[in-house]
Amino acid sequence: MAFSSDQIAELDLLLLFPDTSHMQGLKIHHDADPAKIAAAQRLFGKGVTTQIDGGYLTELGHDLAKHVNILQSALAK
C-alpha cells in the first residue's frame, strides 16, 4: 500500500521538527501552504503534536519523527 498525499505531507512536516531538542517546536502560520496547515491539523488530531498549528512533538511525535528521519536518511543514499 502506497503512502497517500496526506500522509506524505505529514511525514514532510515531521521532518521539519528539530531533532536535537525536545524543547523546540514549530509554528505553522495561517498564510502557510494549505497542505502544511492541513497536515499540522491532522498530526494534532492524531496526538502527534501539542498544538493544532504545530507546537511541540508529543512522545508519540518524537518516536515518529525519529523513524521518519531514519527512513529519509536511508532512502537518500
PDB file of N, CA and C in Angstrom:
ATOM      1  N   MET A   1       0.842  -1.172   0.000  1.00  0.00           N
ATOM      2  CA  MET A   1       0.000   0.000   0.000  1.00  0.00           C
ATOM      3  C   MET A   1       0.896   1.246   0.000  1.00  0.00           C
ATOM      4  N   ALA A   2       0.604   2.153  -0.873  1.00  0.00           N
ATOM      5  CA  ALA A   2       1.408   3.377  -1.012  1.00  0.00           C
ATOM      6  C   ALA A   2       0.960   4.425   0.002  1.00  0.00           C
ATOM      7  N   PHE A   3       1.871   5.347   0.311  1.00  0.00           N
ATOM      8  CA  PHE A   3       1.520   6.481   1.156  1.00  0.00           C
ATOM      9  C   PHE A   3       0.571   7.394   0.383  1.00  0.00           C
ATOM     10  N   SER A   4      -0.421   7.919   1.071  1.00  0.00           N
ATOM     11  CA  SER A   4      -1.316   8.899   0.442  1.00  0.00           C
ATOM     12  C   SER A   4      -0.616  10.256   0.417  1.00  0.00           C
ATOM     13  N   SER A   5      -1.154  11.176  -0.356  1.00  0.00           N
ATOM     14  CA  SER A   5      -0.560  12.516  -0.404  1.00  0.00           C
ATOM     15  C   SER A   5      -0.677  13.197   0.963  1.00  0.00           C
ATOM     16  N   ASP A   6      -1.744  12.930   1.706  1.00  0.00           N
ATOM     17  CA  ASP A   6      -1.881  13.475   3.055  1.00  0.00           C
ATOM     18  C   ASP A   6      -0.796  12.926   3.982  1.00  0.00           C
ATOM     19  N   GLN A   7      -0.543  11.633   3.898  1.00  0.00           N
ATOM     20  CA  GLN A   7       0.491  11.020   4.733  1.00  0.00           C
ATOM     21  C   GLN A   7       1.870  11.562   4.386  1.00  0.00           C
ATOM     22  N   ILE A   8       2.140  11.745   3.119  1.00  0.00           N
ATOM     23  CA  ILE A   8       3.433  12.301   2.703  1.00  0.00           C
ATOM     24  C   ILE A   8       3.596  13.723   3.245  1.00  0.00           C
ATOM     25  N   ALA A   9       2.530  14.514   3.207  1.00  0.00           N
ATOM     26  CA  ALA A   9       2.587  15.870   3.760  1.00  0.00           C
ATOM     27  C   ALA A   9       2.864  15.819   5.266  1.00  0.00           C
ATOM     28  N   GLU A  10       2.281  14.853   5.963  1.00  0.00           N
ATOM     29  CA  GLU A  10       2.527  14.703   7.396  1.00  0.00           C
ATOM     30  C   GLU A  10       3.971  14.274   7.660  1.00  0.00           C
ATOM     31  N   LEU A  11       4.489  13.350   6.869  1.00  0.00           N
ATOM     32  CA  LEU A  11       5.880  12.923   7.015  1.00  0.00           C
ATOM     33  C   LEU A  11       6.834  14.089   6.747  1.00  0.00           C
ATOM     34  N   ASP A  12       6.552  14.850   5.701  1.00  0.00           N
ATOM     35  CA  ASP A  12       7.387  16.010   5.386  1.00  0.00           C
ATOM     36  C   ASP A  12       7.373  17.024   6.537  1.00  0.00           C
ATOM     37  N   LEU A  13       6.221  17.225   7.133  1.00  0.00           N
ATOM     38  CA  LEU A  13       6.125  18.165   8.252  1.00  0.00           C
ATOM     39  C   LEU A  13       6.909  17.654   9.454  1.00  0.00           C
ATOM     40  N   LEU A  14       6.846  16.356   9.715  1.00  0.00           N
ATOM     41  CA  LEU A  14       7.617  15.784  10.825  1.00  0.00           C
ATOM     42  C   LEU A  14       9.118  15.997  10.633  1.00  0.00           C
ATOM     43  N   LEU A  15       9.567  15.981   9.389  1.00  0.00           N
ATOM     44  CA  LEU A  15      10.985  16.210   9.112  1.00  0.00           C
ATOM     45  C   LEU A  15      11.426  17.636   9.444  1.00  0.00           C
ATOM     46  N   LEU A  16      10.485  18.562   9.544  1.00  0.00           N
ATOM     47  CA  LEU A  16      10.822  19.951   9.845  1.00  0.00           C
ATOM     48  C   LEU A  16      11.051  20.203  11.331  1.00  0.00           C
ATOM     49  N   PHE A  17      10.583  19.304  12.178  1.00  0.00           N
ATOM     50  CA  PHE A  17      10.776  19.498  13.613  1.00  0.00           C
ATOM     51  C   PHE A  17      12.241  19.275  13.963  1.00  0.00           C
ATOM     52  N   PRO A  18      12.790  20.135  14.816  1.00  0.00           N
ATOM     53  CA  PRO A  18      14.189  19.962  15.242  1.00  0.00           C
ATOM     54  C   PRO A  18      14.360  18.614  15.951  1.00  0.00           C
ATOM     55  N   ASP A  19      15.420  17.908  15.624  1.00  0.00           N
ATOM     56  CA  ASP A  19      15.643  16.597  16.243  1.00  0.00           C
ATOM     57  C   ASP A  19      16.704  16.629  17.338  1.00  0.00           C
ATOM     58  N   THR A  20      17.173  17.820  17.671  1.00  0.00           N
ATOM     59  CA  THR A  20      18.230  17.918  18.675  1.00  0.00           C
ATOM     60  C   THR A  20      17.712  18.289  20.055  1.00  0.00           C
ATOM     61  N   SER A  21      16.449  18.715  20.137  1.00  0.00           N
ATOM     62  CA  SER A  21      15.929  19.158  21.428  1.00  0.00           C
ATOM     63  C   SER A  21      14.430  18.889  21.523  1.00  0.00           C
ATOM     64  N   HIS A  22      13.999  18.452  22.689  1.00  0.00           N
ATOM     65  CA  HIS A  22      12.572  18.273  22.945  1.00  0.00           C
ATOM     66  C   HIS A  22      11.913  19.608  23.290  1.00  0.00           C
ATOM     67  N   MET A  23      12.706  20.642  23.447  1.00  0.00           N
ATOM     68  CA  MET A  23      12.202  21.955  23.858  1.00  0.00           C
ATOM     69  C   MET A  23      12.022  22.916  22.684  1.00  0.00           C
ATOM     70  N   GLN A  24      12.105  22.397  21.448  1.00  0.00           N
ATOM     71  CA  GLN A  24      11.912  23.224  20.267  1.00  0.00           C
ATOM     72  C   GLN A  24      10.736  22.676  19.469  1.00  0.00           C
ATOM     73  N   GLY A  25       9.982  23.573  18.888  1.00  0.00           N
ATOM     74  CA  GLY A  25       8.821  23.158  18.116  1.00  0.00           C
ATOM     75  C   GLY A  25       8.702  23.948  16.830  1.00  0.00           C
ATOM     76  N   LEU A  26       7.518  23.903  16.250  1.00  0.00           N
ATOM     77  CA  LEU A  26       7.216  24.611  15.009  1.00  0.00           C
ATOM     78  C   LEU A  26       5.947  25.415  15.171  1.00  0.00           C
ATOM     79  N   LYS A  27       5.857  26.481  14.407  1.00  0.00           N
ATOM     80  CA  LYS A  27       4.634  27.272  14.324  1.00  0.00           C
ATOM     81  C   LYS A  27       4.274  27.359  12.855  1.00  0.00           C
ATOM     82  N   ILE A  28       3.126  26.803  12.494  1.00  0.00           N
ATOM     83  CA  ILE A  28       2.640  26.881  11.119  1.00  0.00           C
ATOM     84  C   ILE A  28       1.699  28.085  11.058  1.00  0.00           C
ATOM     85  N   HIS A  29       2.101  29.102  10.327  1.00  0.00           N
ATOM     86  CA  HIS A  29       1.331  30.345  10.256  1.00  0.00           C
ATOM     87  C   HIS A  29       0.101  30.190   9.356  1.00  0.00           C
ATOM     88  N   HIS A  30      -0.876  31.033   9.558  1.00  0.00           N
ATOM     89  CA  HIS A  30      -2.135  30.957   8.821  1.00  0.00           C
ATOM     90  C   HIS A  30      -1.967  31.171   7.316  1.00  0.00           C
ATOM     91  N   ASP A  31      -0.872  31.793   6.898  1.00  0.00           N
ATOM     92  CA  ASP A  31      -0.653  32.038   5.477  1.00  0.00           C
ATOM     93  C   ASP A  31       0.328  31.026   4.857  1.00  0.00           C
ATOM     94  N   ALA A  32       0.603  29.944   5.587  1.00  0.00           N
ATOM     95  CA  ALA A  32       1.480  28.884   5.069  1.00  0.00           C
ATOM     96  C   ALA A  32       0.757  28.098   3.973  1.00  0.00           C
ATOM     97  N   ASP A  33       1.495  27.237   3.324  1.00  0.00           N
ATOM     98  CA  ASP A  33       0.925  26.356   2.311  1.00  0.00           C
ATOM     99  C   ASP A  33      -0.257  25.596   2.931  1.00  0.00           C
ATOM    100  N   PRO A  34      -1.421  25.616   2.277  1.00  0.00           N
ATOM    101  CA  PRO A  34      -2.595  24.939   2.830  1.00  0.00           C
ATOM    102  C   PRO A  34      -2.363  23.453   3.143  1.00  0.00           C
ATOM    103  N   ALA A  35      -1.509  22.795   2.357  1.00  0.00           N
ATOM    104  CA  ALA A  35      -1.213  21.383   2.629  1.00  0.00           C
ATOM    105  C   ALA A  35      -0.474  21.229   3.965  1.00  0.00           C
ATOM    106  N   LYS A  36       0.414  22.183   4.289  1.00  0.00           N
ATOM    107  CA  LYS A  36       1.126  22.152   5.575  1.00  0.00           C
ATOM    108  C   LYS A  36       0.176  22.429   6.736  1.00  0.00           C
ATOM    109  N   ILE A  37      -0.722  23.371   6.541  1.00  0.00           N
ATOM    110  CA  ILE A  37      -1.702  23.685   7.578  1.00  0.00           C
ATOM    111  C   ILE A  37      -2.567  22.460   7.869  1.00  0.00           C
ATOM    112  N   ALA A  38      -3.045  21.825   6.809  1.00  0.00           N
ATOM    113  CA  ALA A  38      -3.891  20.638   6.969  1.00  0.00           C
ATOM    114  C   ALA A  38      -3.110  19.496   7.615  1.00  0.00           C
ATOM    115  N   ALA A  39      -1.854  19.320   7.221  1.00  0.00           N
ATOM    116  CA  ALA A  39      -1.020  18.261   7.811  1.00  0.00           C
ATOM    117  C   ALA A  39      -0.827  18.507   9.300  1.00  0.00           C
ATOM    118  N   ALA A  40      -0.595  19.766   9.678  1.00  0.00           N
ATOM    119  CA  ALA A  40      -0.417  20.109  11.089  1.00  0.00           C
ATOM    120  C   ALA A  40      -1.686  19.800  11.869  1.00  0.00           C
ATOM    121  N   GLN A  41      -2.825  20.102  11.297  1.00  0.00           N
ATOM    122  CA  GLN A  41      -4.095  19.820  11.967  1.00  0.00           C
ATOM    123  C   GLN A  41      -4.314  18.320  12.139  1.00  0.00           C
ATOM    124  N   ARG A  42      -3.972  17.546  11.118  1.00  0.00           N
ATOM    125  CA  ARG A  42      -4.132  16.083  11.214  1.00  0.00           C
ATOM    126  C   ARG A  42      -3.189  15.494  12.253  1.00  0.00           C
ATOM    127  N   LEU A  43      -1.926  15.977  12.283  1.00  0.00           N
ATOM    128  CA  LEU A  43      -0.975  15.468  13.273  1.00  0.00           C
ATOM    129  C   LEU A  43      -1.446  15.788  14.685  1.00  0.00           C
ATOM    130  N   PHE A  44      -2.008  16.969  14.896  1.00  0.00           N
ATOM    131  CA  PHE A  44      -2.557  17.319  16.205  1.00  0.00           C
ATOM    132  C   PHE A  44      -3.714  16.382  16.553  1.00  0.00           C
ATOM    133  N   GLY A  45      -4.588  16.133  15.602  1.00  0.00           N
ATOM    134  CA  GLY A  45      -5.724  15.239  15.818  1.00  0.00           C
ATOM    135  C   GLY A  45      -5.324  13.820  16.153  1.00  0.00           C
ATOM    136  N   LYS A  46      -4.146  13.420  15.704  1.00  0.00           N
ATOM    137  CA  LYS A  46      -3.636  12.066  15.974  1.00  0.00           C
ATOM    138  C   LYS A  46      -2.807  12.007  17.247  1.00  0.00           C
ATOM    139  N   GLY A  47      -2.655  13.146  17.921  1.00  0.00           N
ATOM    140  CA  GLY A  47      -1.883  13.172  19.157  1.00  0.00           C
ATOM    141  C   GLY A  47      -0.383  13.207  18.952  1.00  0.00           C
ATOM    142  N   VAL A  48       0.055  13.662  17.791  1.00  0.00           N
ATOM    143  CA  VAL A  48       1.478  13.703  17.451  1.00  0.00           C
ATOM    144  C   VAL A  48       2.114  15.026  17.878  1.00  0.00           C
ATOM    145  N   THR A  49       1.316  16.103  17.866  1.00  0.00           N
ATOM    146  CA  THR A  49       1.799  17.425  18.267  1.00  0.00           C
ATOM    147  C   THR A  49       0.896  17.993  19.363  1.00  0.00           C
ATOM    148  N   THR A  50       1.390  19.032  20.018  1.00  0.00           N
ATOM    149  CA  THR A  50       0.663  19.615  21.143  1.00  0.00           C
ATOM    150  C   THR A  50      -0.294  20.739  20.748  1.00  0.00           C
ATOM    151  N   GLN A  51      -0.144  21.277  19.545  1.00  0.00           N
ATOM    152  CA  GLN A  51      -0.987  22.385  19.106  1.00  0.00           C
ATOM    153  C   GLN A  51      -1.480  22.130  17.687  1.00  0.00           C
ATOM    154  N   ILE A  52      -2.622  22.674  17.358  1.00  0.00           N
ATOM    155  CA  ILE A  52      -3.201  22.469  16.028  1.00  0.00           C
ATOM    156  C   ILE A  52      -2.348  23.115  14.932  1.00  0.00           C
ATOM    157  N   ASP A  53      -1.535  24.105  15.318  1.00  0.00           N
ATOM    158  CA  ASP A  53      -0.676  24.780  14.339  1.00  0.00           C
ATOM    159  C   ASP A  53       0.803  24.420  14.540  1.00  0.00           C
ATOM    160  N   GLY A  54       1.052  23.235  15.056  1.00  0.00           N
ATOM    161  CA  GLY A  54       2.423  22.773  15.250  1.00  0.00           C
ATOM    162  C   GLY A  54       2.717  22.524  16.706  1.00  0.00           C
ATOM    163  N   GLY A  55       3.326  23.497  17.357  1.00  0.00           N
ATOM    164  CA  GLY A  55       3.677  23.318  18.761  1.00  0.00           C
ATOM    165  C   GLY A  55       4.874  22.404  18.918  1.00  0.00           C
ATOM    166  N   TYR A  56       4.800  21.556  19.924  1.00  0.00           N
ATOM    167  CA  TYR A  56       5.871  20.604  20.213  1.00  0.00           C
ATOM    168  C   TYR A  56       5.410  19.201  19.867  1.00  0.00           C
ATOM    169  N   LEU A  57       6.367  18.325  19.685  1.00  0.00           N
ATOM    170  CA  LEU A  57       6.041  16.919  19.475  1.00  0.00           C
ATOM    171  C   LEU A  57       5.691  16.276  20.808  1.00  0.00           C
ATOM    172  N   THR A  58       4.703  15.410  20.798  1.00  0.00           N
ATOM    173  CA  THR A  58       4.397  14.592  21.958  1.00  0.00           C
ATOM    174  C   THR A  58       5.391  13.427  21.980  1.00  0.00           C
ATOM    175  N   GLU A  59       5.295  12.561  22.962  1.00  0.00           N
ATOM    176  CA  GLU A  59       6.172  11.374  22.976  1.00  0.00           C
ATOM    177  C   GLU A  59       5.969  10.551  21.716  1.00  0.00           C
ATOM    178  N   LEU A  60       4.706  10.368  21.302  1.00  0.00           N
ATOM    179  CA  LEU A  60       4.427   9.677  20.047  1.00  0.00           C
ATOM    180  C   LEU A  60       5.079  10.412  18.893  1.00  0.00           C
ATOM    181  N   GLY A  61       4.973  11.730  18.888  1.00  0.00           N
ATOM    182  CA  GLY A  61       5.571  12.537  17.833  1.00  0.00           C
ATOM    183  C   GLY A  61       7.074  12.378  17.753  1.00  0.00           C
ATOM    184  N   HIS A  62       7.731  12.335  18.906  1.00  0.00           N
ATOM    185  CA  HIS A  62       9.182  12.137  18.911  1.00  0.00           C
ATOM    186  C   HIS A  62       9.545  10.774  18.339  1.00  0.00           C
ATOM    187  N   ASP A  63       8.786   9.765  18.691  1.00  0.00           N
ATOM    188  CA  ASP A  63       9.035   8.427  18.143  1.00  0.00           C
ATOM    189  C   ASP A  63       8.860   8.426  16.629  1.00  0.00           C
ATOM    190  N   LEU A  64       7.770   9.011  16.163  1.00  0.00           N
ATOM    191  CA  LEU A  64       7.514   9.051  14.725  1.00  0.00           C
ATOM    192  C   LEU A  64       8.581   9.857  13.986  1.00  0.00           C
ATOM    193  N   ALA A  65       8.944  11.012  14.538  1.00  0.00           N
ATOM    194  CA  ALA A  65       9.952  11.852  13.888  1.00  0.00           C
ATOM    195  C   ALA A  65      11.286  11.128  13.788  1.00  0.00           C
ATOM    196  N   LYS A  66      11.635  10.380  14.825  1.00  0.00           N
ATOM    197  CA  LYS A  66      12.888   9.619  14.796  1.00  0.00           C
ATOM    198  C   LYS A  66      12.859   8.606  13.652  1.00  0.00           C
ATOM    199  N   HIS A  67      11.757   7.903  13.520  1.00  0.00           N
ATOM    200  CA  HIS A  67      11.643   6.895  12.457  1.00  0.00           C
ATOM    201  C   HIS A  67      11.605   7.535  11.071  1.00  0.00           C
ATOM    202  N   VAL A  68      10.931   8.661  10.953  1.00  0.00           N
ATOM    203  CA  VAL A  68      10.870   9.363   9.669  1.00  0.00           C
ATOM    204  C   VAL A  68      12.262   9.826   9.257  1.00  0.00           C
ATOM    205  N   ASN A  69      13.029  10.337  10.216  1.00  0.00           N
ATOM    206  CA  ASN A  69      14.399  10.778   9.910  1.00  0.00           C
ATOM    207  C   ASN A  69      15.268   9.602   9.491  1.00  0.00           C
ATOM    208  N   ILE A  70      15.121   8.464  10.149  1.00  0.00           N
ATOM    209  CA  ILE A  70      15.891   7.275   9.777  1.00  0.00           C
ATOM    210  C   ILE A  70      15.507   6.831   8.372  1.00  0.00           C
ATOM    211  N   LEU A  71      14.212   6.780   8.098  1.00  0.00           N
ATOM    212  CA  LEU A  71      13.746   6.379   6.780  1.00  0.00           C
ATOM    213  C   LEU A  71      14.245   7.323   5.691  1.00  0.00           C
ATOM    214  N   GLN A  72      14.144   8.623   5.944  1.00  0.00           N
ATOM    215  CA  GLN A  72      14.606   9.606   4.962  1.00  0.00           C
ATOM    216  C   GLN A  72      16.105   9.467   4.722  1.00  0.00           C
ATOM    217  N   SER A  73      16.876   9.288   5.776  1.00  0.00           N
ATOM    218  CA  SER A  73      18.333   9.136   5.636  1.00  0.00           C
ATOM    219  C   SER A  73      18.685   7.878   4.846  1.00  0.00           C
ATOM    220  N   ALA A  74      17.998   6.796   5.137  1.00  0.00           N
ATOM    221  CA  ALA A  74      18.280   5.528   4.448  1.00  0.00           C
ATOM    222  C   ALA A  74      17.944   5.608   2.964  1.00  0.00           C
ATOM    223  N   LEU A  75      16.863   6.257   2.634  1.00  0.00           N
ATOM    224  CA  LEU A  75      16.445   6.348   1.229  1.00  0.00           C
ATOM    225  C   LEU A  75      17.228   7.393   0.454  1.00  0.00           C
ATOM    226  N   ALA A  76      17.879   8.313   1.132  1.00  0.00           N
ATOM    227  CA  ALA A  76      18.642   9.357   0.462  1.00  0.00           C
ATOM    228  C   ALA A  76      19.984   8.849  -0.049  1.00  0.00           C
ATOM    229  N   LYS A  77      20.384   7.677   0.355  1.00  0.00           N
ATOM    230  CA  LYS A  77      21.693   7.130  -0.056  1.00  0.00           C
ATOM    231  C   LYS A  77      21.681   6.610  -1.460  1.00  0.00           C
TER     232      LYS A  77
END
